C-alpha atoms as a PDB file:
ATOM      1  CA  UNK A   1       8.897   3.956 -13.537  1.00  0.00           C
ATOM      2  CA  UNK A   2       9.391   0.443 -12.168  1.00  0.00           C
ATOM      3  CA  UNK A   3       9.957   1.641  -8.608  1.00  0.00           C
ATOM      4  CA  UNK A   4       6.763   3.725  -8.500  1.00  0.00           C
ATOM      5  CA  UNK A   5       4.766   0.989 -10.259  1.00  0.00           C
ATOM      6  CA  UNK A   6       5.930  -1.652  -7.800  1.00  0.00           C
ATOM      7  CA  UNK A   7       5.253   0.545  -4.766  1.00  0.00           C
ATOM      8  CA  UNK A   8       1.695   1.469  -5.769  1.00  0.00           C
ATOM      9  CA  UNK A   9       0.952  -2.083  -6.967  1.00  0.00           C
ATOM     10  CA  UNK A  10       2.077  -3.676  -3.717  1.00  0.00           C
ATOM     11  CA  UNK A  11       0.534  -1.102  -1.372  1.00  0.00           C
ATOM     12  CA  UNK A  12      -2.611  -0.732  -3.484  1.00  0.00           C
ATOM     13  CA  UNK A  13      -3.210  -4.475  -3.607  1.00  0.00           C
ATOM     14  CA  UNK A  14      -2.756  -4.783   0.152  1.00  0.00           C
ATOM     15  CA  UNK A  15      -5.357  -2.057   0.693  1.00  0.00           C
ATOM     16  CA  UNK A  16      -7.695  -3.602  -1.902  1.00  0.00           C
ATOM     17  CA  UNK A  17      -7.437  -7.037  -0.284  1.00  0.00           C
ATOM     18  CA  UNK A  18      -8.202  -5.619   3.154  1.00  0.00           C
ATOM     19  CA  UNK A  19     -11.247  -3.724   1.881  1.00  0.00           C
ATOM     20  CA  UNK A  20     -12.320  -6.805  -0.086  1.00  0.00           C
ATOM     21  CA  UNK A  21     -12.148  -9.000   3.011  1.00  0.00           C
ATOM     22  CA  UNK A  22     -14.308  -6.536   4.947  1.00  0.00           C
ATOM     23  CA  UNK A  23     -16.895  -6.177   2.159  1.00  0.00           C
ATOM     24  CA  UNK A  24     -17.086  -9.926   1.531  1.00  0.00           C
ATOM     25  CA  UNK A  25     -17.701 -10.588   5.214  1.00  0.00           C
ATOM     26  CA  UNK A  26     -20.484  -7.981   5.236  1.00  0.00           C
ATOM     27  CA  UNK A  27     -22.096  -9.697   2.238  1.00  0.00           C
ATOM     28  CA  UNK A  28     -21.846 -13.106   3.872  1.00  0.00           C
ATOM     29  CA  UNK A  29     -23.446 -11.805   7.087  1.00  0.00           C
ATOM     30  CA  UNK A  30     -26.213  -9.881   5.250  1.00  0.00           C
ATOM     31  CA  UNK A  31     -24.883  -6.472   6.258  1.00  0.00           C
ATOM     32  CA  UNK A  32     -24.695  -4.773   2.866  1.00  0.00           C
ATOM     33  CA  UNK A  33     -26.113  -1.629   4.451  1.00  0.00           C
ATOM     34  CA  UNK A  34     -22.740  -1.155   6.131  1.00  0.00           C
ATOM     35  CA  UNK A  35     -20.992  -0.747   2.758  1.00  0.00           C
ATOM     36  CA  UNK A  36     -21.468   3.021   3.001  1.00  0.00           C
ATOM     37  CA  UNK A  37     -19.516   3.141   6.242  1.00  0.00           C
ATOM     38  CA  UNK A  38     -16.651   1.180   4.702  1.00  0.00           C
ATOM     39  CA  UNK A  39     -16.478   3.449   1.657  1.00  0.00           C
ATOM     40  CA  UNK A  40     -16.658   6.495   3.911  1.00  0.00           C
ATOM     41  CA  UNK A  41     -13.598   5.252   5.769  1.00  0.00           C
ATOM     42  CA  UNK A  42     -11.802   4.483   2.497  1.00  0.00           C
ATOM     43  CA  UNK A  43     -12.584   7.935   1.099  1.00  0.00           C
ATOM     44  CA  UNK A  44     -11.365   9.725   4.218  1.00  0.00           C
ATOM     45  CA  UNK A  45      -8.201   7.604   4.188  1.00  0.00           C
ATOM     46  CA  UNK A  46      -7.468   8.602   0.581  1.00  0.00           C
ATOM     47  CA  UNK A  47      -7.966  12.284   1.426  1.00  0.00           C
ATOM     48  CA  UNK A  48      -5.732  11.997   4.497  1.00  0.00           C
ATOM     49  CA  UNK A  49      -3.013  10.293   2.442  1.00  0.00           C
ATOM     50  CA  UNK A  50      -3.169  12.984  -0.240  1.00  0.00           C
ATOM     51  CA  UNK A  51      -2.959  15.643   2.466  1.00  0.00           C
ATOM     52  CA  UNK A  52       0.113  13.977   3.948  1.00  0.00           C
ATOM     53  CA  UNK A  53       1.695  13.836   0.504  1.00  0.00           C
ATOM     54  CA  UNK A  54       1.097  17.527  -0.146  1.00  0.00           C
ATOM     55  CA  UNK A  55       2.529  18.432   3.269  1.00  0.00           C
ATOM     56  CA  UNK A  56       5.699  16.382   2.685  1.00  0.00           C
ATOM     57  CA  UNK A  57       6.342  17.760  -0.801  1.00  0.00           C
ATOM     58  CA  UNK A  58       5.639  21.367   0.237  1.00  0.00           C
ATOM     59  CA  UNK A  59       7.998  21.050   3.198  1.00  0.00           C
ATOM     60  CA  UNK A  60      10.732  19.566   1.013  1.00  0.00           C
ATOM     61  CA  UNK A  61      10.258  22.301  -1.588  1.00  0.00           C
ATOM     62  CA  UNK A  62      10.858  25.043   0.966  1.00  0.00           C
ATOM     63  CA  UNK A  63      14.215  23.628   2.084  1.00  0.00           C
ATOM     64  CA  UNK A  64      17.588  24.150   0.456  1.00  0.00           C
ATOM     65  CA  UNK A  65      21.254  23.426   1.045  1.00  0.00           C
ATOM     66  CA  UNK A  66      22.191  21.410   4.105  1.00  0.00           C
ATOM     67  CA  UNK A  67      18.631  21.447   5.490  1.00  0.00           C
ATOM     68  CA  UNK A  68      17.361  19.852   2.274  1.00  0.00           C
ATOM     69  CA  UNK A  69      20.073  17.175   2.395  1.00  0.00           C
ATOM     70  CA  UNK A  70      19.259  16.349   6.011  1.00  0.00           C
ATOM     71  CA  UNK A  71      15.507  16.233   5.298  1.00  0.00           C
ATOM     72  CA  UNK A  72      15.965  13.971   2.284  1.00  0.00           C
ATOM     73  CA  UNK A  73      18.368  11.729   4.182  1.00  0.00           C
ATOM     74  CA  UNK A  74      15.918  11.359   7.053  1.00  0.00           C
ATOM     75  CA  UNK A  75      13.101  10.668   4.574  1.00  0.00           C
ATOM     76  CA  UNK A  76      15.212   7.918   2.988  1.00  0.00           C
ATOM     77  CA  UNK A  77      15.964   6.320   6.367  1.00  0.00           C
ATOM     78  CA  UNK A  78      12.327   6.544   7.458  1.00  0.00           C
ATOM     79  CA  UNK A  79      11.081   5.101   4.166  1.00  0.00           C
ATOM     80  CA  UNK A  80      13.575   2.225   4.341  1.00  0.00           C
ATOM     81  CA  UNK A  81      12.570   1.494   7.939  1.00  0.00           C
ATOM     82  CA  UNK A  82       8.823   1.563   7.291  1.00  0.00           C
ATOM     83  CA  UNK A  83       9.234  -0.429   4.080  1.00  0.00           C
ATOM     84  CA  UNK A  84      11.124  -3.108   5.999  1.00  0.00           C
ATOM     85  CA  UNK A  85       8.494  -3.150   8.756  1.00  0.00           C
ATOM     86  CA  UNK A  86       5.697  -3.402   6.179  1.00  0.00           C
ATOM     87  CA  UNK A  87       7.339  -6.342   4.394  1.00  0.00           C
ATOM     88  CA  UNK A  88       7.788  -8.357   7.582  1.00  0.00           C
ATOM     89  CA  UNK A  89       4.399  -7.310   8.994  1.00  0.00           C
ATOM     90  CA  UNK A  90       2.632  -8.637   5.912  1.00  0.00           C
ATOM     91  CA  UNK A  91       4.698 -11.823   6.031  1.00  0.00           C
ATOM     92  CA  UNK A  92       3.540 -12.477   9.606  1.00  0.00           C
ATOM     93  CA  UNK A  93      -0.056 -11.361   9.115  1.00  0.00           C
ATOM     94  CA  UNK A  94      -0.630 -13.197   5.827  1.00  0.00           C
ATOM     95  CA  UNK A  95      -1.209 -16.424   7.745  1.00  0.00           C
ATOM     96  CA  UNK A  96      -4.338 -15.217   9.539  1.00  0.00           C
ATOM     97  CA  UNK A  97      -5.085 -11.686   8.333  1.00  0.00           C
ATOM     98  CA  UNK A  98      -8.552 -12.655   7.054  1.00  0.00           C
ATOM     99  CA  UNK A  99      -9.591 -14.197  10.380  1.00  0.00           C
ATOM    100  CA  UNK A 100      -8.302 -11.183  12.306  1.00  0.00           C
ATOM    101  CA  UNK A 101     -10.128  -8.690  10.107  1.00  0.00           C
ATOM    102  CA  UNK A 102     -13.373 -10.646  10.204  1.00  0.00           C
ATOM    103  CA  UNK A 103     -13.273 -10.827  14.000  1.00  0.00           C
ATOM    104  CA  UNK A 104     -12.781  -7.056  14.157  1.00  0.00           C
ATOM    105  CA  UNK A 105     -15.696  -6.472  11.789  1.00  0.00           C
ATOM    106  CA  UNK A 106     -17.875  -8.874  13.787  1.00  0.00           C
ATOM    107  CA  UNK A 107     -17.055  -7.068  17.040  1.00  0.00           C
ATOM    108  CA  UNK A 108     -17.814  -3.700  15.438  1.00  0.00           C
ATOM    109  CA  UNK A 109     -21.151  -4.906  14.067  1.00  0.00           C
ATOM    110  CA  UNK A 110     -22.060  -6.410  17.439  1.00  0.00           C
ATOM    111  CA  UNK A 111     -21.511  -3.003  18.993  1.00  0.00           C
ATOM    112  CA  UNK A 112     -23.925  -1.475  16.496  1.00  0.00           C
ATOM    113  CA  UNK A 113     -21.478   1.269  15.505  1.00  0.00           C
ATOM    114  CA  UNK A 114     -21.318   2.079  11.789  1.00  0.00           C
ATOM    115  CA  UNK A 115     -18.725   4.741  12.587  1.00  0.00           C
ATOM    116  CA  UNK A 116     -16.592   2.027  14.119  1.00  0.00           C
ATOM    117  CA  UNK A 117     -16.672   0.173  10.810  1.00  0.00           C
ATOM    118  CA  UNK A 118     -15.707   3.350   8.957  1.00  0.00           C
ATOM    119  CA  UNK A 119     -12.824   3.832  11.385  1.00  0.00           C
ATOM    120  CA  UNK A 120     -11.659   0.244  10.841  1.00  0.00           C
ATOM    121  CA  UNK A 121     -11.579   0.765   7.066  1.00  0.00           C
ATOM    122  CA  UNK A 122      -9.941   4.171   7.508  1.00  0.00           C
ATOM    123  CA  UNK A 123      -7.095   2.839   9.654  1.00  0.00           C
ATOM    124  CA  UNK A 124      -6.468  -0.103   7.315  1.00  0.00           C
ATOM    125  CA  UNK A 125      -6.296   2.060   4.186  1.00  0.00           C
ATOM    126  CA  UNK A 126      -4.625   5.186   5.584  1.00  0.00           C
ATOM    127  CA  UNK A 127      -1.685   3.099   6.763  1.00  0.00           C
ATOM    128  CA  UNK A 128      -1.106   1.871   3.227  1.00  0.00           C
ATOM    129  CA  UNK A 129      -1.731   5.351   1.820  1.00  0.00           C
ATOM    130  CA  UNK A 130       0.760   7.184   4.017  1.00  0.00           C
ATOM    131  CA  UNK A 131       3.338   4.441   3.488  1.00  0.00           C
ATOM    132  CA  UNK A 132       2.856   4.867  -0.263  1.00  0.00           C
ATOM    133  CA  UNK A 133       3.280   8.641  -0.042  1.00  0.00           C
ATOM    134  CA  UNK A 134       6.483   8.295   1.947  1.00  0.00           C
ATOM    135  CA  UNK A 135       7.932   5.641  -0.370  1.00  0.00           C
ATOM    136  CA  UNK A 136       7.052   7.657  -3.464  1.00  0.00           C
ATOM    137  CA  UNK A 137       8.652  10.786  -2.003  1.00  0.00           C
ATOM    138  CA  UNK A 138      11.854   8.881  -1.302  1.00  0.00           C
ATOM    139  CA  UNK A 139      11.762   7.299  -4.757  1.00  0.00           C
ATOM    140  CA  UNK A 140      11.323  10.662  -6.521  1.00  0.00           C
ATOM    141  CA  UNK A 141      14.783  11.664  -5.300  1.00  0.00           C
ATOM    142  CA  UNK A 142      16.242   9.047  -7.649  1.00  0.00           C
ATOM    143  CA  UNK A 143      13.489   8.863 -10.287  1.00  0.00           C
ATOM    144  CA  UNK A 144      14.371   8.405 -13.941  1.00  0.00           C
ATOM    145  CA  UNK A 145      12.004  11.200 -14.997  1.00  0.00           C
ATOM    146  CA  UNK A 146       8.920  12.829 -13.425  1.00  0.00           C
ATOM    147  CA  UNK A 147       6.680  11.686 -16.292  1.00  0.00           C
ATOM    148  CA  UNK A 148       7.687   8.013 -16.268  1.00  0.00           C
ATOM    149  CA  UNK A 149       7.582   8.012 -12.468  1.00  0.00           C
ATOM    150  CA  UNK A 150       4.022   9.385 -12.457  1.00  0.00           C
ATOM    151  CA  UNK A 151       2.865   6.993 -15.170  1.00  0.00           C
ATOM    152  CA  UNK A 152       4.340   4.047 -13.289  1.00  0.00           C
ATOM    153  CA  UNK A 153       2.552   5.071 -10.104  1.00  0.00           C
ATOM    154  CA  UNK A 154      -0.843   5.346 -11.777  1.00  0.00           C
ATOM    155  CA  UNK A 155      -0.393   2.094 -13.707  1.00  0.00           C
ATOM    156  CA  UNK A 156       0.524   0.221 -10.524  1.00  0.00           C
ATOM    157  CA  UNK A 157      -2.478   1.638  -8.679  1.00  0.00           C
ATOM    158  CA  UNK A 158      -4.863   0.823 -11.535  1.00  0.00           C
ATOM    159  CA  UNK A 159      -3.585  -2.760 -11.751  1.00  0.00           C
ATOM    160  CA  UNK A 160      -3.891  -3.144  -7.962  1.00  0.00           C
ATOM    161  CA  UNK A 161      -7.508  -1.959  -7.979  1.00  0.00           C
ATOM    162  CA  UNK A 162      -8.375  -4.245 -10.899  1.00  0.00           C
ATOM    163  CA  UNK A 163      -6.721  -7.246  -9.244  1.00  0.00           C
ATOM    164  CA  UNK A 164      -8.379  -6.519  -5.911  1.00  0.00           C
ATOM    165  CA  UNK A 165     -11.813  -6.237  -7.529  1.00  0.00           C
ATOM    166  CA  UNK A 166     -11.253  -9.409  -9.541  1.00  0.00           C
ATOM    167  CA  UNK A 167     -10.294 -11.361  -6.419  1.00  0.00           C
ATOM    168  CA  UNK A 168     -13.310  -9.967  -4.544  1.00  0.00           C
ATOM    169  CA  UNK A 169     -15.708 -10.925  -7.347  1.00  0.00           C
ATOM    170  CA  UNK A 170     -14.108 -14.343  -7.714  1.00  0.00           C
ATOM    171  CA  UNK A 171     -13.182 -13.725 -11.367  1.00  0.00           C
ATOM    172  CA  UNK A 172      -9.451 -13.691 -10.639  1.00  0.00           C
ATOM    173  CA  UNK A 173      -7.232 -15.899  -8.558  1.00  0.00           C
ATOM    174  CA  UNK A 174      -3.782 -14.992  -7.326  1.00  0.00           C
ATOM    175  CA  UNK A 175      -1.099 -17.034  -5.651  1.00  0.00           C
ATOM    176  CA  UNK A 176      -0.572 -14.545  -2.851  1.00  0.00           C
ATOM    177  CA  UNK A 177       2.456 -16.347  -1.471  1.00  0.00           C
ATOM    178  CA  UNK A 178       4.298 -16.081  -4.800  1.00  0.00           C
ATOM    179  CA  UNK A 179       3.178 -12.480  -5.365  1.00  0.00           C
ATOM    180  CA  UNK A 180       4.260 -11.230  -1.949  1.00  0.00           C
ATOM    181  CA  UNK A 181       7.512 -13.199  -2.013  1.00  0.00           C
ATOM    182  CA  UNK A 182       8.578 -11.763  -5.378  1.00  0.00           C
ATOM    183  CA  UNK A 183       7.557  -8.193  -4.585  1.00  0.00           C
ATOM    184  CA  UNK A 184       9.074  -8.417  -1.110  1.00  0.00           C
ATOM    185  CA  UNK A 185      12.478  -9.418  -2.485  1.00  0.00           C
ATOM    186  CA  UNK A 186      12.426  -6.539  -4.969  1.00  0.00           C
ATOM    187  CA  UNK A 187      11.300  -4.111  -2.258  1.00  0.00           C
ATOM    188  CA  UNK A 188      14.054  -5.307   0.091  1.00  0.00           C
ATOM    189  CA  UNK A 189      16.604  -4.460  -2.608  1.00  0.00           C
ATOM    190  CA  UNK A 190      14.836  -1.120  -3.098  1.00  0.00           C
ATOM    191  CA  UNK A 191      14.971  -0.445   0.658  1.00  0.00           C
ATOM    192  CA  UNK A 192      18.702  -1.224   0.677  1.00  0.00           C
ATOM    193  CA  UNK A 193      19.117   1.386  -2.047  1.00  0.00           C
ATOM    194  CA  UNK A 194      17.115   3.918  -0.023  1.00  0.00           C
ATOM    195  CA  UNK A 195      19.336   3.284   2.991  1.00  0.00           C
ATOM    196  CA  UNK A 196      22.498   3.785   0.952  1.00  0.00           C
ATOM    197  CA  UNK A 197      21.098   6.929  -0.674  1.00  0.00           C
ATOM    198  CA  UNK A 198      20.140   8.335   2.725  1.00  0.00           C
ATOM    199  CA  UNK A 199      23.719   7.799   3.885  1.00  0.00           C
ATOM    200  CA  UNK A 200      24.919   9.597   0.741  1.00  0.00           C
ATOM    201  CA  UNK A 201      22.726  12.589   1.633  1.00  0.00           C
ATOM    202  CA  UNK A 202      24.218  12.605   5.128  1.00  0.00           C
ATOM    203  CA  UNK A 203      27.695  12.503   3.563  1.00  0.00           C
ATOM    204  CA  UNK A 204      26.756  15.625   1.614  1.00  0.00           C
ATOM    205  CA  UNK A 205      25.484  17.279   4.801  1.00  0.00           C
ATOM    206  CA  UNK A 206      28.691  16.397   6.649  1.00  0.00           C
ATOM    207  CA  UNK A 207      26.921  14.269   9.275  1.00  0.00           C
ATOM    208  CA  UNK A 208      28.308  10.818   8.419  1.00  0.00           C
ATOM    209  CA  UNK A 209      31.952  10.519   7.295  1.00  0.00           C
ATOM    210  CA  UNK A 210      32.474   8.354   4.185  1.00  0.00           C
ATOM    211  CA  UNK A 211      35.595   6.622   5.660  1.00  0.00           C
ATOM    212  CA  UNK A 212      36.665   5.801   2.091  1.00  0.00           C
ATOM    213  CA  UNK A 213      35.135   8.356  -0.263  1.00  0.00           C
ATOM    214  CA  UNK A 214      35.018   6.205  -3.407  1.00  0.00           C
ATOM    215  CA  UNK A 215      35.388   2.435  -3.142  1.00  0.00           C
ATOM    216  CA  UNK A 216      35.124   2.190  -6.929  1.00  0.00           C
ATOM    217  CA  UNK A 217      34.068   4.355  -9.850  1.00  0.00           C
ATOM    218  CA  UNK A 218      31.992   2.866 -12.663  1.00  0.00           C
ATOM    219  CA  UNK A 219      30.685   6.168 -14.041  1.00  0.00           C
ATOM    220  CA  UNK A 220      32.977   5.818 -17.057  1.00  0.00           C
ATOM    221  CA  UNK A 221      31.317   2.492 -17.862  1.00  0.00           C
ATOM    222  CA  UNK A 222      27.771   3.142 -16.629  1.00  0.00           C
ATOM    223  CA  UNK A 223      27.152   6.839 -15.892  1.00  0.00           C
ATOM    224  CA  UNK A 224      24.438   7.623 -13.368  1.00  0.00           C
ATOM    225  CA  UNK A 225      23.054  10.171 -15.853  1.00  0.00           C
ATOM    226  CA  UNK A 226      22.537   7.544 -18.594  1.00  0.00           C
ATOM    227  CA  UNK A 227      19.170   5.900 -19.171  1.00  0.00           C
ATOM    228  CA  UNK A 228      20.360   2.603 -17.706  1.00  0.00           C
ATOM    229  CA  UNK A 229      22.075   4.431 -14.849  1.00  0.00           C
ATOM    230  CA  UNK A 230      18.929   6.372 -13.945  1.00  0.00           C
ATOM    231  CA  UNK A 231      16.897   3.174 -14.067  1.00  0.00           C
ATOM    232  CA  UNK A 232      19.304   1.332 -11.759  1.00  0.00           C
ATOM    233  CA  UNK A 233      19.459   4.336  -9.452  1.00  0.00           C
ATOM    234  CA  UNK A 234      15.668   4.413  -9.187  1.00  0.00           C
ATOM    235  CA  UNK A 235      15.311   0.671  -8.580  1.00  0.00           C
ATOM    236  CA  UNK A 236      18.524  -0.360  -6.815  1.00  0.00           C
ATOM    237  CA  UNK A 237      19.900   2.924  -5.512  1.00  0.00           C
ATOM    238  CA  UNK A 238      22.830   2.603  -7.944  1.00  0.00           C
ATOM    239  CA  UNK A 239      25.779   4.889  -7.235  1.00  0.00           C
ATOM    240  CA  UNK A 240      28.689   4.847  -9.653  1.00  0.00           C
ATOM    241  CA  UNK A 241      31.183   5.926  -6.999  1.00  0.00           C
ATOM    242  CA  UNK A 242      29.851   4.887  -3.575  1.00  0.00           C
ATOM    243  CA  UNK A 243      31.608   5.384  -0.263  1.00  0.00           C
ATOM    244  CA  UNK A 244      32.694   2.532   1.962  1.00  0.00           C
ATOM    245  CA  UNK A 245      29.863   3.280   4.403  1.00  0.00           C
ATOM    246  CA  UNK A 246      27.270   3.167   1.597  1.00  0.00           C
ATOM    247  CA  UNK A 247      28.561  -0.168   0.295  1.00  0.00           C
ATOM    248  CA  UNK A 248      28.720  -1.623   3.798  1.00  0.00           C
ATOM    249  CA  UNK A 249      25.216  -0.477   4.760  1.00  0.00           C
ATOM    250  CA  UNK A 250      23.706  -1.721   1.481  1.00  0.00           C
ATOM    251  CA  UNK A 251      25.395  -5.128   1.741  1.00  0.00           C
ATOM    252  CA  UNK A 252      24.711  -5.744   5.431  1.00  0.00           C
ATOM    253  CA  UNK A 253      21.062  -4.683   5.159  1.00  0.00           C
ATOM    254  CA  UNK A 254      20.505  -6.833   2.072  1.00  0.00           C
ATOM    255  CA  UNK A 255      22.013  -9.978   3.591  1.00  0.00           C
ATOM    256  CA  UNK A 256      20.274  -9.605   6.969  1.00  0.00           C
ATOM    257  CA  UNK A 257      16.880  -8.678   5.476  1.00  0.00           C
ATOM    258  CA  UNK A 258      16.830 -11.495   2.910  1.00  0.00           C
ATOM    259  CA  UNK A 259      18.004 -14.071   5.451  1.00  0.00           C
ATOM    260  CA  UNK A 260      15.374 -12.929   7.956  1.00  0.00           C
ATOM    261  CA  UNK A 261      12.607 -12.891   5.352  1.00  0.00           C
ATOM    262  CA  UNK A 262      13.157 -16.437   4.109  1.00  0.00           C
ATOM    263  CA  UNK A 263      13.863 -17.873   7.530  1.00  0.00           C
ATOM    264  CA  UNK A 264      10.634 -19.624   8.639  1.00  0.00           C
ATOM    265  CA  UNK A 265       9.241 -18.696  12.021  1.00  0.00           C
ATOM    266  CA  UNK A 266       7.270 -20.939  14.359  1.00  0.00           C
ATOM    267  CA  UNK A 267       3.786 -19.673  13.551  1.00  0.00           C
ATOM    268  CA  UNK A 268       4.420 -20.088   9.842  1.00  0.00           C
ATOM    269  CA  UNK A 269       5.740 -23.627  10.254  1.00  0.00           C
ATOM    270  CA  UNK A 270       2.589 -24.645  12.132  1.00  0.00           C
ATOM    271  CA  UNK A 271       0.274 -23.143   9.514  1.00  0.00           C
ATOM    272  CA  UNK A 272      -0.889 -24.792   6.301  1.00  0.00           C
ATOM    273  CA  UNK A 273       0.512 -22.426   3.653  1.00  0.00           C
ATOM    274  CA  UNK A 274      -1.083 -23.842   0.484  1.00  0.00           C
ATOM    275  CA  UNK A 275      -4.589 -23.665   1.916  1.00  0.00           C
ATOM    276  CA  UNK A 276      -4.109 -20.292   3.558  1.00  0.00           C
ATOM    277  CA  UNK A 277      -2.243 -18.480   0.831  1.00  0.00           C
ATOM    278  CA  UNK A 278      -3.995 -19.813  -2.257  1.00  0.00           C
ATOM    279  CA  UNK A 279      -7.562 -19.599  -1.062  1.00  0.00           C
ATOM    280  CA  UNK A 280      -9.706 -16.639  -2.036  1.00  0.00           C
ATOM    281  CA  UNK A 281      -9.130 -14.176   0.775  1.00  0.00           C
ATOM    282  CA  UNK A 282     -12.624 -12.917   0.190  1.00  0.00           C
ATOM    283  CA  UNK A 283     -14.598 -16.160   0.250  1.00  0.00           C
ATOM    284  CA  UNK A 284     -18.272 -15.262   0.428  1.00  0.00           C
END
């Protein structure tokens, strides 16, 4: 439940903030008539994301045996890679994402193309939507239960929409730096688990040798089938008897990703974080 809630909360809030920035800029520039174009783009993005989700789940359902293991392993690797890219992309863009979006909206309005505005909203939201679909598919492979997983996903999405609307209306304030830092750390751990689980699937398919099949075995103490075991599997990619390759990949990824995330880069050092990150992204 926690994994699906966190995924939809993080991705949903990113999409809500982007849409909020666009709408607030349209209000400030007296272009409320363009709202319809924005919502058209958002609606099409949601439909496209749902279509991608159906296609992925149908494809996975038709596979079995080694083909299923390879497909799931590739999905885990792809999800871990995109999740990592998304975390670091948002870290870089958070400094000036509002200015960039507003300049794109201004250029689109200057061109007089309402379809261009719809396309801008579509691209911004569909990216988050397809990422969410892919992450959720990967997370379902280790979910505690289908019901709790589904509930968590809907709760996260509902909270994201409510928070996004509150920030847009000015009735809610959020320390975006703290929010993205906390969720990014948890998602980095989640991505490390996806990577390790993908390697496990490739072990099963006979593609990657385990080197040492079981480095340790804690299933007698904390079985993967127990409630706590399923929870840790869903959130951390817990494996009671991991191979040496799984342990190595998990550890190396975690250390490198966390070090890279908290290492300041030049653009960030030159920015003024408190002003940028704590201001209302949707100032009207």
